[in-house]
C-alpha atoms as a PDB file:
ATOM      1  CA  MET A   1      37.755 -10.691 -91.316  1.00  0.00           C
ATOM      2  CA  ILE A   2      41.028 -11.767 -90.401  1.00  0.00           C
ATOM      3  CA  LEU A   3      40.123 -10.508 -86.777  1.00  0.00           C
ATOM      4  CA  LEU A   4      37.396 -12.519 -86.610  1.00  0.00           C
ATOM      5  CA  ASN A   5      39.586 -15.530 -88.046  1.00  0.00           C
ATOM      6  CA  ALA A   6      41.940 -14.998 -85.505  1.00  0.00           C
ATOM      7  CA  LEU A   7      39.408 -14.979 -82.907  1.00  0.00           C
ATOM      8  CA  LEU A   8      37.997 -18.411 -84.411  1.00  0.00           C
ATOM      9  CA  MET A   9      40.775 -20.204 -85.094  1.00  0.00           C
ATOM     10  CA  PRO A  10      43.326 -19.411 -82.428  1.00  0.00           C
ATOM     11  CA  GLY A  11      46.783 -20.363 -83.004  1.00  0.00           C
ATOM     12  CA  ILE A  12      48.759 -23.494 -81.132  1.00  0.00           C
ATOM     13  CA  GLY A  13      51.464 -21.508 -79.818  1.00  0.00           C
ATOM     14  CA  LEU A  14      48.792 -19.281 -78.229  1.00  0.00           C
ATOM     15  CA  MET A  15      46.958 -22.129 -77.019  1.00  0.00           C
ATOM     16  CA  PHE A  16      49.796 -23.549 -75.710  1.00  0.00           C
ATOM     17  CA  TRP A  17      51.019 -20.429 -73.868  1.00  0.00           C
ATOM     18  CA  THR A  18      47.594 -19.440 -72.649  1.00  0.00           C
ATOM     19  CA  LEU A  19      47.034 -23.269 -71.093  1.00  0.00           C
ATOM     20  CA  VAL A  20      50.431 -22.870 -69.554  1.00  0.00           C
ATOM     21  CA  ILE A  21      50.271 -19.558 -67.891  1.00  0.00           C
ATOM     22  CA  PHE A  22      46.806 -20.742 -66.839  1.00  0.00           C
ATOM     23  CA  THR A  23      48.286 -23.470 -65.321  1.00  0.00           C
ATOM     24  CA  LEU A  24      51.140 -21.717 -63.528  1.00  0.00           C
ATOM     25  CA  LEU A  25      48.340 -19.177 -62.627  1.00  0.00           C
ATOM     26  CA  LEU A  26      46.361 -22.222 -61.224  1.00  0.00           C
ATOM     27  CA  PHE A  27      49.301 -23.553 -59.295  1.00  0.00           C
ATOM     28  CA  ILE A  28      50.433 -20.530 -57.811  1.00  0.00           C
ATOM     29  CA  LEU A  29      46.712 -19.204 -56.483  1.00  0.00           C
ATOM     30  CA  ARG A  30      46.278 -22.727 -54.944  1.00  0.00           C
ATOM     31  CA  LYS A  31      49.545 -22.904 -53.349  1.00  0.00           C
ATOM     32  CA  PHE A  32      49.595 -19.457 -52.110  1.00  0.00           C
ATOM     33  CA  ALA A  33      45.835 -18.163 -52.531  1.00  0.00           C
ATOM     34  CA  TRP A  34      43.409 -20.491 -51.698  1.00  0.00           C
ATOM     35  CA  LYS A  35      44.713 -21.906 -48.499  1.00  0.00           C
ATOM     36  CA  PRO A  36      44.535 -18.433 -46.956  1.00  0.00           C
ATOM     37  CA  ILE A  37      41.154 -17.501 -48.444  1.00  0.00           C
ATOM     38  CA  VAL A  38      39.696 -20.738 -47.512  1.00  0.00           C
ATOM     39  CA  ASN A  39      41.426 -20.552 -44.018  1.00  0.00           C
ATOM     40  CA  ALA A  40      39.827 -16.824 -43.550  1.00  0.00           C
ATOM     41  CA  LEU A  41      36.513 -18.010 -45.329  1.00  0.00           C
ATOM     42  CA  LYS A  42      36.386 -20.825 -42.388  1.00  0.00           C
ATOM     43  CA  GLU A  43      37.431 -18.352 -39.636  1.00  0.00           C
ATOM     44  CA  ARG A  44      35.123 -15.906 -40.625  1.00  0.00           C
ATOM     45  CA  GLU A  45      32.057 -18.643 -40.779  1.00  0.00           C
ATOM     46  CA  LYS A  46      33.397 -19.721 -37.361  1.00  0.00           C
ATOM     47  CA  SER A  47      33.419 -16.286 -35.977  1.00  0.00           C
ATOM     48  CA  ILE A  48      29.696 -16.151 -37.410  1.00  0.00           C
ATOM     49  CA  GLU A  49      28.668 -19.226 -35.642  1.00  0.00           C
ATOM     50  CA  ASP A  50      30.343 -18.016 -32.549  1.00  0.00           C
ATOM     51  CA  ALA A  51      28.410 -14.748 -32.909  1.00  0.00           C
ATOM     52  CA  LEU A  52      25.068 -16.644 -33.685  1.00  0.00           C
ATOM     53  CA  HIS A  53      25.928 -18.639 -30.921  1.00  0.00           C
ATOM     54  CA  GLN A  54      26.679 -15.684 -28.341  1.00  0.00           C
ATOM     55  CA  ALA A  55      23.543 -13.972 -29.567  1.00  0.00           C
ATOM     56  CA  GLU A  56      21.297 -17.212 -29.193  1.00  0.00           C
ATOM     57  CA  LYS A  57      22.900 -17.327 -25.413  1.00  0.00           C
ATOM     58  CA  ALA A  58      22.337 -13.421 -24.941  1.00  0.00           C
ATOM     59  CA  ARG A  59      18.925 -13.652 -25.919  1.00  0.00           C
ATOM     60  CA  ALA A  60      18.232 -16.540 -23.572  1.00  0.00           C
ATOM     61  CA  GLU A  61      19.927 -14.518 -21.007  1.00  0.00           C
ATOM     62  CA  VAL A  62      17.837 -11.699 -21.640  1.00  0.00           C
ATOM     63  CA  LYS A  63      15.058 -13.820 -21.642  1.00  0.00           C
ATOM     64  CA  GLU A  64      15.941 -14.863 -18.196  1.00  0.00           C
ATOM     65  CA  LEU A  65      15.971 -11.851 -16.987  1.00  0.00           C
ATOM     66  CA  VAL A  66      13.056 -10.485 -18.355  1.00  0.00           C
ATOM     67  CA  GLN A  67      11.153 -13.299 -16.201  1.00  0.00           C
ATOM     68  CA  LYS A  68      12.935 -12.810 -13.158  1.00  0.00           C
ATOM     69  CA  ASN A  69      11.890  -8.795 -13.683  1.00  0.00           C
ATOM     70  CA  VAL A  70       8.583  -9.815 -14.328  1.00  0.00           C
ATOM     71  CA  GLU A  71       8.508 -11.943 -11.038  1.00  0.00           C
ATOM     72  CA  LEU A  72      10.486  -9.476  -9.124  1.00  0.00           C
ATOM     73  CA  ILE A  73       7.727  -7.068  -9.976  1.00  0.00           C
ATOM     74  CA  ILE A  74       4.670  -9.472  -9.291  1.00  0.00           C
ATOM     75  CA  GLU A  75       6.219 -10.090  -5.876  1.00  0.00           C
ATOM     76  CA  GLY A  76       6.672  -6.434  -5.130  1.00  0.00           C
ATOM     77  CA  GLN A  77       3.229  -5.914  -6.457  1.00  0.00           C
ATOM     78  CA  LYS A  78       2.041  -8.890  -4.035  1.00  0.00           C
ATOM     79  CA  GLU A  79       4.221  -7.318  -1.027  1.00  0.00           C
ATOM     80  CA  ARG A  80       2.810  -3.663  -1.897  1.00  0.00           C
ATOM     81  CA  ASP A  81      -0.890  -5.262  -1.886  1.00  0.00           C
ATOM     82  CA  ALA A  82       0.370  -6.825   1.377  1.00  0.00           C
ATOM     83  CA  ILE A  83       1.336  -3.625   3.196  1.00  0.00           C
ATOM     84  CA  ILE A  84      -1.868  -2.074   2.040  1.00  0.00           C
ATOM     85  CA  LYS A  85      -3.945  -4.423   3.369  1.00  0.00           C
ATOM     86  CA  GLU A  86      -1.584  -4.449   6.559  1.00  0.00           C
ATOM     87  CA  ALA A  87      -2.062  -0.684   6.637  1.00  0.00           C
ATOM     88  CA  ARG A  88      -6.122  -0.823   6.005  1.00  0.00           C
ATOM     89  CA  ASP A  89      -6.586  -3.711   8.818  1.00  0.00           C
ATOM     90  CA  ARG A  90      -4.295  -1.676  11.296  1.00  0.00           C
ATOM     91  CA  SER A  91      -6.329   1.819  10.530  1.00  0.00           C
ATOM     92  CA  GLU A  92      -9.246  -0.271  11.184  1.00  0.00           C
ATOM     93  CA  GLN A  93      -8.313  -1.430  14.227  1.00  0.00           C
ATOM     94  CA  ILE A  94      -6.612   1.853  15.613  1.00  0.00           C
ATOM     95  CA  ILE A  95     -10.736   3.255  14.650  1.00  0.00           C
ATOM     96  CA  THR A  96     -12.258   0.473  16.590  1.00  0.00           C
ATOM     97  CA  GLU A  97      -9.872   0.849  19.450  1.00  0.00           C
ATOM     98  CA  ALA A  98     -10.675   4.594  19.489  1.00  0.00           C
ATOM     99  CA  LYS A  99     -14.502   4.259  19.257  1.00  0.00           C
ATOM    100  CA  GLU A 100     -14.052   1.581  21.762  1.00  0.00           C
ATOM    101  CA  GLU A 101     -12.067   3.892  24.036  1.00  0.00           C
ATOM    102  CA  ALA A 102     -14.398   6.691  23.032  1.00  0.00           C
ATOM    103  CA  LYS A 103     -18.160   4.780  24.628  1.00  0.00           C
ATOM    104  CA  ASN A 104     -15.349   3.710  27.591  1.00  0.00           C
ATOM    105  CA  GLN A 105     -14.952   6.983  28.197  1.00  0.00           C
ATOM    106  CA  SER A 106     -18.295   8.354  27.753  1.00  0.00           C
ATOM    107  CA  LYS A 107     -19.536   5.785  29.533  1.00  0.00           C
ATOM    108  CA  ARG A 108     -17.285   6.918  32.236  1.00  0.00           C
ATOM    109  CA  ILE A 109     -18.038  10.518  32.094  1.00  0.00           C
ATOM    110  CA  LEU A 110     -21.998   9.356  32.131  1.00  0.00           C
ATOM    111  CA  ALA A 111     -21.309   7.428  35.329  1.00  0.00           C
ATOM    112  CA  GLU A 112     -19.650  10.175  37.183  1.00  0.00           C
ATOM    113  CA  ALA A 113     -22.068  12.936  35.814  1.00  0.00           C
ATOM    114  CA  GLN A 114     -25.051  10.667  36.963  1.00  0.00           C
ATOM    115  CA  SER A 115     -22.788  10.206  40.168  1.00  0.00           C
ATOM    116  CA  ILE A 116     -22.340  13.921  41.003  1.00  0.00           C
ATOM    117  CA  ILE A 117     -26.160  14.493  40.087  1.00  0.00           C
ATOM    118  CA  LYS A 118     -27.086  11.748  42.388  1.00  0.00           C
ATOM    119  CA  ARG A 119     -25.123  13.077  45.233  1.00  0.00           C
ATOM    120  CA  GLU A 120     -26.002  16.460  44.433  1.00  0.00           C
ATOM    121  CA  ARG A 121     -30.108  15.439  44.732  1.00  0.00           C
ATOM    122  CA  GLU A 122     -29.096  13.840  47.815  1.00  0.00           C
ATOM    123  CA  ASP A 123     -27.554  16.770  49.667  1.00  0.00           C
ATOM    124  CA  THR A 124     -30.585  19.164  47.812  1.00  0.00           C
ATOM    125  CA  ILE A 125     -33.048  16.791  49.727  1.00  0.00           C
ATOM    126  CA  LYS A 126     -30.869  17.199  52.908  1.00  0.00           C
ATOM    127  CA  GLU A 127     -31.234  20.795  53.204  1.00  0.00           C
ATOM    128  CA  ILE A 128     -34.611  20.580  51.895  1.00  0.00           C
ATOM    129  CA  LYS A 129     -35.413  18.265  54.848  1.00  0.00           C
ATOM    130  CA  ASN A 130     -33.517  20.736  57.302  1.00  0.00           C
ATOM    131  CA  ASP A 131     -35.636  23.430  55.696  1.00  0.00           C
ATOM    132  CA  VAL A 132     -38.561  21.928  56.122  1.00  0.00           C
ATOM    133  CA  SER A 133     -37.899  20.581  59.966  1.00  0.00           C
ATOM    134  CA  SER A 134     -36.687  24.234  60.528  1.00  0.00           C
ATOM    135  CA  ILE A 135     -40.066  25.325  59.355  1.00  0.00           C
ATOM    136  CA  ILE A 136     -42.164  22.535  60.650  1.00  0.00           C
ATOM    137  CA  LEU A 137     -40.073  23.298  64.081  1.00  0.00           C
ATOM    138  CA  GLU A 138     -40.847  27.191  64.126  1.00  0.00           C
ATOM    139  CA  THR A 139     -44.313  26.381  62.989  1.00  0.00           C
ATOM    140  CA  ALA A 140     -45.195  23.989  66.086  1.00  0.00           C
ATOM    141  CA  LYS A 141     -43.645  26.459  68.557  1.00  0.00           C
ATOM    142  CA  THR A 142     -45.664  29.043  66.561  1.00  0.00           C
ATOM    143  CA  ILE A 143     -48.670  26.576  66.613  1.00  0.00           C
ATOM    144  CA  ILE A 144     -47.747  25.553  70.750  1.00  0.00           C
ATOM    145  CA  VAL A 145     -47.470  29.032  71.428  1.00  0.00           C
ATOM    146  CA  LYS A 146     -51.217  30.397  69.450  1.00  0.00           C
ATOM    147  CA  GLU A 147     -52.868  27.213  70.600  1.00  0.00           C
ATOM    148  CA  LEU A 148     -52.433  28.286  74.267  1.00  0.00           C
ATOM    149  CA  GLU A 149     -54.007  31.674  72.876  1.00  0.00           C
ATOM    150  CA  HIS A 150     -56.494  30.681  70.387  1.00  0.00           C
ATOM    151  CA  ARG A 151     -57.146  27.681  68.073  1.00  0.00           C
ATOM    152  CA  LYS A 152     -58.954  29.333  65.023  1.00  0.00           C
ATOM    153  CA  ASP A 153     -55.516  30.989  64.856  1.00  0.00           C
ATOM    154  CA  HIS A 154     -53.651  27.915  64.903  1.00  0.00           C
ATOM    155  CA  GLU A 155     -55.669  26.401  62.279  1.00  0.00           C
ATOM    156  CA  GLN A 156     -54.831  29.490  59.913  1.00  0.00           C
ATOM    157  CA  LEU A 157     -51.235  29.578  60.918  1.00  0.00           C
ATOM    158  CA  ILE A 158     -50.919  25.782  59.786  1.00  0.00           C
ATOM    159  CA  GLU A 159     -52.779  26.660  56.270  1.00  0.00           C
ATOM    160  CA  GLU A 160     -50.392  29.760  55.791  1.00  0.00           C
ATOM    161  CA  LYS A 161     -47.511  27.508  56.062  1.00  0.00           C
ATOM    162  CA  ILE A 162     -48.543  24.712  54.129  1.00  0.00           C
ATOM    163  CA  LYS A 163     -49.420  27.135  51.284  1.00  0.00           C
ATOM    164  CA  THR A 164     -45.795  28.680  51.541  1.00  0.00           C
ATOM    165  CA  LEU A 165     -44.346  25.548  51.272  1.00  0.00           C
ATOM    166  CA  VAL A 166     -46.622  24.338  48.313  1.00  0.00           C
END
């Protein structure tokens, strides 16, 4: 009970010295500890704010870089599409030119072949005419010789020559 009584009813001396020590401790803490602690807290708060500002700035820069990258990718895709389109157009042009060249060459070859055939035909006709002329001359010669001999033989000879020609 005494202990309980001492706790509930402290002595004036104890209260005085507790108050003096508390005031002295409060003065010392205020003089030497609170200013550095408050300054440290303010510096910490300022560094956190700066870090947040830098993080926000970095986020904005990253967002800008991402946007630039997206634009570059889109531009690259457009260039790729343009190159592919140009390549397709060029290949179609080359194919068209090749077809046109092939047509022209086939027409030229056909014209040359027709020209050669025409010349060969003309040469053959000349040769046939020469052969027919020779045959006719021989026939005429034979007819004249036979005419003088026999007319019936002459007609038979003409018929034989006509049969050999046909």
